[in-house]
């Protein structure tokens, strides 16, 4: 099962991107294996529906939680339909900090 985090850059020292659908990268955390990978958001430059397309893309990857600076109303509806939890962290939060917090919660 995966947690997806919208990322400004493709490393764990990156800040969480303030936007979901137009973020440059997604950090996919494997909650079972304890591993992560960065994948480029293939919808970041789409003229319309980038958020919903990105939501479907992540759902297909088995994501159960998404962390981003904000979600558009259509994306919120899509994630609710898909049963995927949305989390909005404090502004300026870094991916490494989220990873630490998720690790502490699993203990």
C-alpha atoms as a PDB file:
ATOM      1  CA  UNK A   1       0.000   0.000   0.000  1.00  0.00           C
ATOM      2  CA  UNK A   2       1.305   3.406  -0.943  1.00  0.00           C
ATOM      3  CA  UNK A   3       1.248   6.963   0.330  1.00  0.00           C
ATOM      4  CA  UNK A   4       1.754   9.621  -2.357  1.00  0.00           C
ATOM      5  CA  UNK A   5       3.216  13.035  -1.559  1.00  0.00           C
ATOM      6  CA  UNK A   6       3.204  15.905  -4.044  1.00  0.00           C
ATOM      7  CA  UNK A   7       6.789  17.085  -4.353  1.00  0.00           C
ATOM      8  CA  UNK A   8       8.541  20.155  -5.736  1.00  0.00           C
ATOM      9  CA  UNK A   9      11.700  18.140  -6.502  1.00  0.00           C
ATOM     10  CA  UNK A  10      12.622  14.457  -6.760  1.00  0.00           C
ATOM     11  CA  UNK A  11      14.422  13.922  -3.434  1.00  0.00           C
ATOM     12  CA  UNK A  12      13.351  13.534   0.186  1.00  0.00           C
ATOM     13  CA  UNK A  13      14.711  16.958   1.164  1.00  0.00           C
ATOM     14  CA  UNK A  14      12.107  18.487  -1.146  1.00  0.00           C
ATOM     15  CA  UNK A  15       9.211  20.536   0.140  1.00  0.00           C
ATOM     16  CA  UNK A  16       5.683  19.271  -0.303  1.00  0.00           C
ATOM     17  CA  UNK A  17       4.271  20.954  -3.397  1.00  0.00           C
ATOM     18  CA  UNK A  18       1.464  23.367  -2.562  1.00  0.00           C
ATOM     19  CA  UNK A  19      -0.564  21.956  -5.491  1.00  0.00           C
ATOM     20  CA  UNK A  20      -1.680  18.416  -6.159  1.00  0.00           C
ATOM     21  CA  UNK A  21      -2.573  18.099  -9.845  1.00  0.00           C
ATOM     22  CA  UNK A  22       0.158  20.369 -11.151  1.00  0.00           C
ATOM     23  CA  UNK A  23       3.032  19.224  -8.934  1.00  0.00           C
ATOM     24  CA  UNK A  24       6.222  18.177 -10.719  1.00  0.00           C
ATOM     25  CA  UNK A  25       6.776  14.931  -8.811  1.00  0.00           C
ATOM     26  CA  UNK A  26       5.056  12.373  -6.633  1.00  0.00           C
ATOM     27  CA  UNK A  27       6.961  10.588  -3.904  1.00  0.00           C
ATOM     28  CA  UNK A  28       5.463   7.116  -3.504  1.00  0.00           C
ATOM     29  CA  UNK A  29       6.118   5.620  -0.086  1.00  0.00           C
ATOM     30  CA  UNK A  30       5.622   1.880   0.245  1.00  0.00           C
ATOM     31  CA  UNK A  31       4.218   1.515   3.753  1.00  0.00           C
ATOM     32  CA  UNK A  32       4.919  -2.224   3.849  1.00  0.00           C
ATOM     33  CA  UNK A  33       8.456  -2.339   2.437  1.00  0.00           C
ATOM     34  CA  UNK A  34       9.570   0.987   3.871  1.00  0.00           C
ATOM     35  CA  UNK A  35      10.891   2.135   0.502  1.00  0.00           C
ATOM     36  CA  UNK A  36      10.153   5.119  -1.700  1.00  0.00           C
ATOM     37  CA  UNK A  37      10.501   6.277  -5.275  1.00  0.00           C
ATOM     38  CA  UNK A  38       9.855   9.498  -7.141  1.00  0.00           C
ATOM     39  CA  UNK A  39       7.795   9.514 -10.298  1.00  0.00           C
ATOM     40  CA  UNK A  40       7.248  12.498 -12.516  1.00  0.00           C
ATOM     41  CA  UNK A  41       3.670  13.718 -12.658  1.00  0.00           C
ATOM     42  CA  UNK A  42       2.667  12.974 -16.266  1.00  0.00           C
ATOM     43  CA  UNK A  43      -0.295  15.374 -16.004  1.00  0.00           C
ATOM     44  CA  UNK A  44       1.432  18.482 -14.643  1.00  0.00           C
ATOM     45  CA  UNK A  45       1.159  20.340 -17.968  1.00  0.00           C
ATOM     46  CA  UNK A  46      -2.289  19.135 -19.053  1.00  0.00           C
ATOM     47  CA  UNK A  47      -4.559  22.036 -19.968  1.00  0.00           C
ATOM     48  CA  UNK A  48      -7.553  20.590 -18.099  1.00  0.00           C
ATOM     49  CA  UNK A  49      -8.417  17.932 -15.519  1.00  0.00           C
ATOM     50  CA  UNK A  50      -4.799  17.434 -14.471  1.00  0.00           C
ATOM     51  CA  UNK A  51      -5.875  16.789 -10.878  1.00  0.00           C
ATOM     52  CA  UNK A  52      -8.487  14.143 -11.683  1.00  0.00           C
ATOM     53  CA  UNK A  53      -6.150  12.424 -14.148  1.00  0.00           C
ATOM     54  CA  UNK A  54      -3.384  12.414 -11.515  1.00  0.00           C
ATOM     55  CA  UNK A  55      -5.850  11.046  -8.942  1.00  0.00           C
ATOM     56  CA  UNK A  56      -6.764   8.130 -11.224  1.00  0.00           C
ATOM     57  CA  UNK A  57      -3.075   7.561 -12.001  1.00  0.00           C
ATOM     58  CA  UNK A  58      -2.228   7.253  -8.292  1.00  0.00           C
ATOM     59  CA  UNK A  59      -5.262   5.093  -7.565  1.00  0.00           C
ATOM     60  CA  UNK A  60      -4.030   2.671 -10.245  1.00  0.00           C
ATOM     61  CA  UNK A  61      -0.729   2.473  -8.352  1.00  0.00           C
ATOM     62  CA  UNK A  62      -2.491   1.363  -5.139  1.00  0.00           C
ATOM     63  CA  UNK A  63      -2.283   4.653  -3.223  1.00  0.00           C
ATOM     64  CA  UNK A  64      -4.472   4.820  -0.103  1.00  0.00           C
ATOM     65  CA  UNK A  65      -3.390   8.293   1.103  1.00  0.00           C
ATOM     66  CA  UNK A  66      -2.263  11.460  -0.692  1.00  0.00           C
ATOM     67  CA  UNK A  67      -0.464  14.381   0.943  1.00  0.00           C
ATOM     68  CA  UNK A  68      -0.407  17.764  -0.822  1.00  0.00           C
ATOM     69  CA  UNK A  69      -0.622  21.470  -0.071  1.00  0.00           C
ATOM     70  CA  UNK A  70      -4.140  21.682  -1.462  1.00  0.00           C
ATOM     71  CA  UNK A  71      -6.674  19.761  -3.529  1.00  0.00           C
ATOM     72  CA  UNK A  72      -9.180  21.184  -5.995  1.00  0.00           C
ATOM     73  CA  UNK A  73     -12.866  20.487  -5.468  1.00  0.00           C
ATOM     74  CA  UNK A  74     -13.079  18.010  -8.368  1.00  0.00           C
ATOM     75  CA  UNK A  75     -10.072  16.120  -7.009  1.00  0.00           C
ATOM     76  CA  UNK A  76     -11.626  15.984  -3.545  1.00  0.00           C
ATOM     77  CA  UNK A  77     -14.746  14.412  -5.071  1.00  0.00           C
ATOM     78  CA  UNK A  78     -12.675  11.925  -7.080  1.00  0.00           C
ATOM     79  CA  UNK A  79     -10.617  10.840  -4.062  1.00  0.00           C
ATOM     80  CA  UNK A  80     -13.791  10.432  -1.995  1.00  0.00           C
ATOM     81  CA  UNK A  81     -15.249   8.222  -4.734  1.00  0.00           C
ATOM     82  CA  UNK A  82     -12.035   6.179  -4.760  1.00  0.00           C
ATOM     83  CA  UNK A  83     -11.824   5.939  -0.949  1.00  0.00           C
ATOM     84  CA  UNK A  84      -8.414   7.631  -0.843  1.00  0.00           C
ATOM     85  CA  UNK A  85      -7.552   9.760   2.190  1.00  0.00           C
ATOM     86  CA  UNK A  86      -6.300  13.324   1.643  1.00  0.00           C
ATOM     87  CA  UNK A  87      -3.944  15.112   4.045  1.00  0.00           C
ATOM     88  CA  UNK A  88      -2.881  18.767   3.940  1.00  0.00           C
ATOM     89  CA  UNK A  89       0.311  19.380   5.966  1.00  0.00           C
ATOM     90  CA  UNK A  90       1.531  22.650   7.433  1.00  0.00           C
ATOM     91  CA  UNK A  91       2.922  25.005   4.749  1.00  0.00           C
ATOM     92  CA  UNK A  92       6.669  24.524   4.241  1.00  0.00           C
ATOM     93  CA  UNK A  93       6.669  20.854   5.293  1.00  0.00           C
ATOM     94  CA  UNK A  94       9.395  18.665   3.829  1.00  0.00           C
ATOM     95  CA  UNK A  95       8.982  15.112   2.587  1.00  0.00           C
ATOM     96  CA  UNK A  96      11.647  13.759   4.924  1.00  0.00           C
ATOM     97  CA  UNK A  97       9.661  15.085   7.916  1.00  0.00           C
ATOM     98  CA  UNK A  98       6.481  13.400   6.681  1.00  0.00           C
ATOM     99  CA  UNK A  99       8.389  10.141   6.292  1.00  0.00           C
ATOM    100  CA  UNK A 100       9.579  10.417   9.897  1.00  0.00           C
ATOM    101  CA  UNK A 101       6.053  11.127  11.140  1.00  0.00           C
ATOM    102  CA  UNK A 102       4.584   8.194   9.212  1.00  0.00           C
ATOM    103  CA  UNK A 103       7.318   5.940  10.607  1.00  0.00           C
ATOM    104  CA  UNK A 104       6.500   7.017  14.175  1.00  0.00           C
ATOM    105  CA  UNK A 105       2.785   6.399  13.620  1.00  0.00           C
ATOM    106  CA  UNK A 106       3.415   2.822  12.493  1.00  0.00           C
ATOM    107  CA  UNK A 107       5.170   1.911  15.733  1.00  0.00           C
END
